[in-house]
């Protein structure tokens, strides 16, 4: 279910062609759950497509309990223009307990079996949890559908780093970092000052582009040190027409010793110019890693053959610098 896969591309095309004012989707595994099952991050590309097209509801199961979330984006950040997830696993099997707290949970329960009665109209929806006979717990909610978006458009090129697609590390032969060189792989979690600096999970799937994927004995063992590390995508031929957009997931973890000379940069470089997508720098304060989304209009490079260039640096006094990139996507609208 990676970005650009057959299933994700079909979903985007179906959403693009839809004329319906409201959109709901359903499948089994939840992206977000506070139950005993883990968050199923492999469905995040589907969430992203639905989010891009302003879908309203996602219904899931898998965990045997009930969870209603406030609208949020695919990273779990509260967003009034996001999607409400309803997890309903209360049909009759034994209940599962809760193993963690999750943001944006509006209500949840793990002690009452029942069904969700969902009424869908051309303008909105209403939900009522109906408990089994003899139980009284209930839930009631409603909302109006959002104006629909145009979505991310036609996929031009994408990479979720699950397989090797031709990226080159140290492409110019000038990298100077002694540790923390970019590599494609399954990252291990690093922590410093009670903060996660390098995330132990990719934004989707298993692998991402990461500066030294191993944790080592401390956060500073395999972070970027003593210079620059870089990676470059294979050549990408951009269409000559249409609005072209690049989005990517990114994370940086900086120590309090990181300054503005320490950075993660993403640039799209063409034969006739370049577009900076991201330039994230240290600030002299601790900064925890988290998956975020960067978006840039690269239409100025239309018709050119381009490459995506990723660079991270700790060029001066030794600082804690961890950087990760995932789910690079170029679309045409």
Protein backbone atom coordinates (compact mmCIF):
# COMPACT_ATOMS: atom_id res chain seq x y z
CA UNK A 1 0.00 0.00 0.00
CA UNK A 2 2.89 2.34 -0.69
CA UNK A 3 2.50 5.75 -2.31
CA UNK A 4 2.41 5.19 -6.05
CA UNK A 5 1.36 1.54 -5.71
CA UNK A 6 -1.44 0.10 -7.83
CA UNK A 7 -3.91 0.28 -4.96
CA UNK A 8 -3.00 3.81 -3.87
CA UNK A 9 -3.05 5.08 -7.47
CA UNK A 10 -6.47 3.49 -8.03
CA UNK A 11 -7.79 5.18 -4.88
CA UNK A 12 -6.54 8.61 -5.92
CA UNK A 13 -8.04 8.23 -9.39
CA UNK A 14 -11.36 7.09 -7.94
CA UNK A 15 -11.46 10.03 -5.53
CA UNK A 16 -10.52 12.44 -8.32
CA UNK A 17 -13.41 11.21 -10.47
CA UNK A 18 -15.98 11.20 -7.67
CA UNK A 19 -18.77 13.78 -7.75
CA UNK A 20 -20.18 12.83 -4.34
CA UNK A 21 -20.28 15.56 -1.66
CA UNK A 22 -19.25 13.20 1.17
CA UNK A 23 -16.60 10.50 1.32
CA UNK A 24 -16.26 7.57 3.74
CA UNK A 25 -13.82 4.68 3.47
CA UNK A 26 -13.57 1.43 5.39
CA UNK A 27 -11.06 -1.37 5.85
CA UNK A 28 -9.87 -3.65 8.65
CA UNK A 29 -6.58 -2.38 10.16
CA UNK A 30 -6.49 1.02 11.95
CA UNK A 31 -3.77 3.59 11.45
CA UNK A 32 -4.48 4.84 14.98
CA UNK A 33 -5.43 2.70 17.99
CA UNK A 34 -4.93 2.74 21.74
CA UNK A 35 -5.73 -0.97 21.89
CA UNK A 36 -3.38 -3.93 22.19
CA UNK A 37 -2.74 -4.09 18.45
CA UNK A 38 -0.09 -1.74 17.07
CA UNK A 39 -0.86 1.18 14.77
CA UNK A 40 -0.95 -0.24 11.22
CA UNK A 41 1.34 2.29 9.54
CA UNK A 42 1.19 0.44 6.21
CA UNK A 43 -2.23 2.04 5.56
CA UNK A 44 -0.90 5.60 5.92
CA UNK A 45 -0.57 6.14 2.12
CA UNK A 46 -4.30 5.39 1.80
CA UNK A 47 -5.01 7.81 4.64
CA UNK A 48 -2.87 10.42 2.86
CA UNK A 49 -4.81 10.03 -0.39
CA UNK A 50 -8.15 10.33 1.41
CA UNK A 51 -6.86 13.32 3.39
CA UNK A 52 -5.67 15.05 0.19
CA UNK A 53 -9.16 14.71 -1.25
CA UNK A 54 -10.89 15.92 1.96
CA UNK A 55 -12.56 12.64 2.91
CA UNK A 56 -14.77 12.70 5.99
CA UNK A 57 -14.74 9.27 7.65
CA UNK A 58 -12.60 6.15 7.92
CA UNK A 59 -14.14 3.08 9.57
CA UNK A 60 -11.89 0.29 10.87
CA UNK A 61 -11.89 -2.67 13.25
CA UNK A 62 -9.21 -5.20 14.25
CA UNK A 63 -9.00 -4.12 17.91
CA UNK A 64 -11.94 -5.45 19.94
CA UNK A 65 -13.07 -2.18 21.53
CA UNK A 66 -14.57 1.18 20.53
CA UNK A 67 -12.64 4.35 19.73
CA UNK A 68 -13.85 7.61 18.20
CA UNK A 69 -11.25 10.16 17.11
CA UNK A 70 -11.49 13.86 16.36
CA UNK A 71 -10.57 14.87 12.79
CA UNK A 72 -6.81 14.55 12.28
CA UNK A 73 -4.20 14.35 9.55
CA UNK A 74 -2.30 11.17 8.56
CA UNK A 75 0.44 11.92 11.11
CA UNK A 76 -2.03 12.08 14.01
CA UNK A 77 -2.06 15.87 14.32
CA UNK A 78 -5.44 17.40 15.15
CA UNK A 79 -6.85 19.09 12.05
CA UNK A 80 -10.40 20.47 11.65
CA UNK A 81 -10.10 19.64 7.95
CA UNK A 82 -8.85 16.14 8.70
CA UNK A 83 -10.58 12.76 8.80
CA UNK A 84 -12.48 11.23 11.70
CA UNK A 85 -11.52 7.60 12.36
CA UNK A 86 -14.09 5.30 13.92
CA UNK A 87 -12.77 2.02 15.31
CA UNK A 88 -15.64 -0.36 16.04
CA UNK A 89 -14.70 -3.85 17.20
CA UNK A 90 -17.58 -4.53 19.58
CA UNK A 91 -19.56 -7.11 17.63
CA UNK A 92 -19.38 -10.02 20.07
CA UNK A 93 -15.87 -11.45 20.49
CA UNK A 94 -14.05 -10.94 23.79
CA UNK A 95 -12.89 -7.37 24.33
CA UNK A 96 -9.28 -6.19 24.14
CA UNK A 97 -7.99 -3.71 26.70
CA UNK A 98 -6.21 -0.40 26.14
CA UNK A 99 -2.41 -0.36 26.23
CA UNK A 100 -1.60 3.28 25.50
CA UNK A 101 -2.93 6.81 25.35
CA UNK A 102 -3.51 8.35 21.94
CA UNK A 103 -4.05 11.99 21.00
CA UNK A 104 -7.38 13.14 19.58
CA UNK A 105 -9.47 10.35 21.14
CA UNK A 106 -12.91 11.83 21.78
CA UNK A 107 -14.31 8.76 23.51
CA UNK A 108 -13.44 5.07 23.89
CA UNK A 109 -14.61 2.03 25.79
CA UNK A 110 -13.72 -1.62 26.17
CA UNK A 111 -16.56 -3.00 28.28
CA UNK A 112 -19.76 -2.90 26.21
CA UNK A 113 -20.63 -4.91 23.12
CA UNK A 114 -22.88 -3.32 20.53
CA UNK A 115 -23.09 -1.90 17.02
CA UNK A 116 -22.61 1.51 15.45
CA UNK A 117 -25.63 2.84 13.61
CA UNK A 118 -24.25 5.26 11.03
CA UNK A 119 -26.61 7.45 8.99
CA UNK A 120 -25.06 9.00 5.88
CA UNK A 121 -26.68 11.86 3.95
CA UNK A 122 -25.69 14.11 1.07
CA UNK A 123 -24.45 16.75 3.53
CA UNK A 124 -23.18 14.94 6.60
CA UNK A 125 -23.42 11.97 8.95
CA UNK A 126 -24.79 10.93 12.34
CA UNK A 127 -23.53 8.08 14.49
CA UNK A 128 -25.18 6.25 17.38
CA UNK A 129 -23.60 3.40 19.31
CA UNK A 130 -26.35 0.94 20.22
CA UNK A 131 -25.35 -1.28 23.18
CA UNK A 132 -26.49 -4.86 23.67
CA UNK A 133 -29.53 -5.44 25.87
CA UNK A 134 -28.82 -4.76 29.51
CA UNK A 135 -25.97 -2.32 28.94
CA UNK A 136 -26.24 1.46 28.94
CA UNK A 137 -22.99 2.87 27.49
CA UNK A 138 -23.67 4.85 24.33
CA UNK A 139 -22.09 7.36 21.99
CA UNK A 140 -23.70 9.95 19.73
CA UNK A 141 -21.99 12.26 17.24
CA UNK A 142 -22.62 14.12 14.00
CA UNK A 143 -20.80 16.37 11.54
CA UNK A 144 -21.20 18.14 8.21
CA UNK A 145 -19.11 17.00 5.26
CA UNK A 146 -16.24 19.19 4.09
CA UNK A 147 -15.95 20.74 0.62
CA UNK A 148 -14.02 18.25 -1.46
CA UNK A 149 -10.43 18.88 -2.51
CA UNK A 150 -8.74 18.21 -5.81
CA UNK A 151 -6.24 15.88 -4.17
CA UNK A 152 -2.65 15.29 -5.00
CA UNK A 153 -3.16 14.74 -8.72
CA UNK A 154 -1.50 12.22 -11.02
CA UNK A 155 1.59 10.52 -9.63
CA UNK A 156 4.72 11.43 -11.64
CA UNK A 157 7.30 9.69 -9.45
CA UNK A 158 7.43 8.28 -5.92
CA UNK A 159 9.70 6.39 -3.56
CA UNK A 160 8.82 4.93 -0.17
CA UNK A 161 12.33 3.42 0.21
CA UNK A 162 11.01 -0.10 0.67
CA UNK A 163 13.13 -1.19 -2.31
CA UNK A 164 16.22 0.29 -3.92
CA UNK A 165 15.22 2.75 -6.67
CA UNK A 166 18.58 4.12 -7.67
CA UNK A 167 19.52 6.66 -5.03
CA UNK A 168 23.24 7.48 -4.85
CA UNK A 169 24.99 8.41 -1.60
CA UNK A 170 27.85 10.91 -1.70
CA UNK A 171 27.01 11.58 -5.38
CA UNK A 172 29.59 14.33 -5.86
CA UNK A 173 32.32 12.52 -3.94
CA UNK A 174 32.66 15.47 -1.54
CA UNK A 175 30.91 14.24 1.62
CA UNK A 176 32.97 14.74 4.76
CA UNK A 177 30.86 13.29 7.60
CA UNK A 178 32.76 10.63 9.55
CA UNK A 179 29.58 9.00 10.93
CA UNK A 180 25.88 9.18 10.13
CA UNK A 181 26.09 8.77 6.36
CA UNK A 182 22.72 8.51 4.64
CA UNK A 183 21.52 4.95 3.99
CA UNK A 184 18.28 3.22 3.11
CA UNK A 185 17.17 0.92 5.92
CA UNK A 186 15.09 0.11 8.97
CA UNK A 187 15.93 2.78 11.57
CA UNK A 188 16.56 2.09 15.24
CA UNK A 189 15.32 4.46 17.93
CA UNK A 190 17.80 6.81 19.60
CA UNK A 191 17.04 8.99 22.63
CA UNK A 192 18.72 11.88 24.38
CA UNK A 193 17.51 14.04 27.28
CA UNK A 194 14.28 12.01 27.47
CA UNK A 195 13.49 12.77 23.82
CA UNK A 196 13.39 10.49 20.79
CA UNK A 197 15.91 11.84 18.32
CA UNK A 198 15.87 9.12 15.64
CA UNK A 199 12.49 7.49 15.08
CA UNK A 200 12.46 3.70 15.18
CA UNK A 201 9.72 3.43 12.55
CA UNK A 202 9.52 4.70 8.99
CA UNK A 203 6.70 7.05 8.00
CA UNK A 204 5.27 4.10 6.06
CA UNK A 205 6.43 0.53 5.65
CA UNK A 206 9.77 -0.54 7.15
CA UNK A 207 12.56 1.46 5.50
CA UNK A 208 13.40 5.12 5.08
CA UNK A 209 16.41 7.24 4.14
CA UNK A 210 18.25 7.79 7.42
CA UNK A 211 21.55 9.16 8.71
CA UNK A 212 23.08 6.05 10.26
CA UNK A 213 20.16 3.73 10.93
CA UNK A 214 21.71 1.94 13.94
CA UNK A 215 21.25 3.22 17.49
CA UNK A 216 24.63 2.31 18.93
CA UNK A 217 25.41 2.80 22.61
CA UNK A 218 24.00 6.35 22.66
CA UNK A 219 22.26 8.85 20.40
CA UNK A 220 25.61 10.32 19.41
CA UNK A 221 27.19 7.07 18.24
CA UNK A 222 25.91 7.07 14.65
CA UNK A 223 24.49 10.58 14.23
CA UNK A 224 25.97 12.98 11.66
CA UNK A 225 29.41 14.13 12.77
CA UNK A 226 32.27 16.22 11.39
CA UNK A 227 30.77 17.28 8.08
CA UNK A 228 28.17 16.70 5.39
CA UNK A 229 26.35 13.59 4.15
CA UNK A 230 24.20 13.56 1.03
CA UNK A 231 22.04 11.35 -1.18
CA UNK A 232 20.63 11.92 -4.67
CA UNK A 233 17.66 10.32 -6.42
CA UNK A 234 17.77 8.85 -9.90
CA UNK A 235 16.85 11.12 -12.79
CA UNK A 236 13.17 12.10 -12.95
CA UNK A 237 11.61 13.50 -16.12
CA UNK A 238 8.97 16.08 -15.25
CA UNK A 239 5.95 16.77 -17.48
CA UNK A 240 6.08 20.04 -19.37
CA UNK A 241 2.56 21.10 -18.32
CA UNK A 242 0.45 21.11 -15.18
CA UNK A 243 1.04 22.11 -11.59
CA UNK A 244 3.86 19.99 -10.19
CA UNK A 245 4.15 19.36 -6.46
CA UNK A 246 6.71 17.47 -4.40
CA UNK A 247 5.78 16.22 -0.93
CA UNK A 248 7.96 14.26 1.44
CA UNK A 249 7.89 13.06 5.02
CA UNK A 250 10.83 14.17 7.13
CA UNK A 251 12.13 14.07 10.68
CA UNK A 252 15.02 15.74 12.47
CA UNK A 253 16.25 15.25 16.02
CA UNK A 254 18.63 17.94 17.25
CA UNK A 255 20.50 18.22 20.52
CA UNK A 256 20.70 21.46 22.48
CA UNK A 257 24.25 21.79 21.10
CA UNK A 258 22.98 22.00 17.49
CA UNK A 259 23.06 25.44 15.89
CA UNK A 260 21.89 26.96 12.63
CA UNK A 261 24.93 25.52 10.84
CA UNK A 262 23.49 22.02 11.49
CA UNK A 263 20.73 21.13 9.05
CA UNK A 264 18.63 18.83 6.88
CA UNK A 265 17.94 20.13 3.37
CA UNK A 266 15.89 18.76 0.49
CA UNK A 267 16.32 20.37 -2.93
CA UNK A 268 14.99 19.51 -6.37
CA UNK A 269 17.75 20.23 -8.88
CA UNK A 270 17.13 20.58 -12.60
CA UNK A 271 19.11 21.65 -15.63
CA UNK A 272 17.58 25.12 -15.48
CA UNK A 273 17.33 25.81 -11.77
CA UNK A 274 16.45 24.35 -8.41
CA UNK A 275 13.70 24.49 -5.78
CA UNK A 276 14.37 24.17 -2.05
CA UNK A 277 11.70 21.94 -0.49
CA UNK A 278 13.02 21.89 3.08
CA UNK A 279 15.74 23.63 5.08
CA UNK A 280 15.48 22.56 8.73
CA UNK A 281 18.17 23.76 11.13
CA UNK A 282 19.21 23.42 14.74
CA UNK A 283 18.23 26.20 17.13
CA UNK A 284 20.32 25.70 20.26
CA UNK A 285 17.49 23.81 21.94
CA UNK A 286 16.57 20.15 22.13
CA UNK A 287 14.26 19.11 19.28
CA UNK A 288 12.59 15.69 19.19
CA UNK A 289 12.19 13.66 16.03
CA UNK A 290 8.70 13.36 14.55
CA UNK A 291 7.34 12.63 11.10
CA UNK A 292 6.25 15.83 9.39
CA UNK A 293 5.31 16.72 5.82
CA UNK A 294 7.10 19.20 3.53
CA UNK A 295 5.43 20.36 0.32
CA UNK A 296 6.77 22.55 -2.48
CA UNK A 297 5.53 23.71 -5.87
CA UNK A 298 8.19 22.63 -8.39
CA UNK A 299 6.30 23.80 -11.50
CA UNK A 300 9.21 26.12 -12.33
CA UNK A 301 11.13 22.98 -13.30
CA UNK A 302 8.42 21.63 -15.65
CA UNK A 303 9.81 19.80 -18.69
CA UNK A 304 13.23 19.32 -17.11
CA UNK A 305 15.06 16.21 -15.98
CA UNK A 306 15.60 16.62 -12.26
CA UNK A 307 16.98 14.85 -9.20
CA UNK A 308 16.00 15.14 -5.55
CA UNK A 309 19.04 16.04 -3.46
CA UNK A 310 19.03 15.38 0.30
CA UNK A 311 21.76 16.71 2.55
CA UNK A 312 22.41 16.74 6.31
CA UNK A 313 25.29 18.37 8.10
CA UNK A 314 27.13 18.84 11.38
CA UNK A 315 30.05 20.83 9.98
CA UNK A 316 31.42 22.60 13.04
CA UNK A 317 31.59 21.79 16.73
CA UNK A 318 30.23 18.30 17.35
CA UNK A 319 26.43 18.39 17.72
CA UNK A 320 23.66 15.83 17.89
CA UNK A 321 22.04 15.64 14.42
CA UNK A 322 19.66 12.85 13.32
CA UNK A 323 17.74 13.09 10.02
CA UNK A 324 15.23 10.91 8.16
CA UNK A 325 13.33 11.14 4.84
CA UNK A 326 10.46 8.96 3.60
CA UNK A 327 7.59 8.85 1.07
CA UNK A 328 8.90 11.22 -1.59
CA UNK A 329 6.07 11.93 -4.04
CA UNK A 330 5.87 14.15 -7.14
CA UNK A 331 2.39 14.78 -8.56
CA UNK A 332 0.86 16.64 -11.47
CA UNK A 333 -2.48 18.42 -11.09
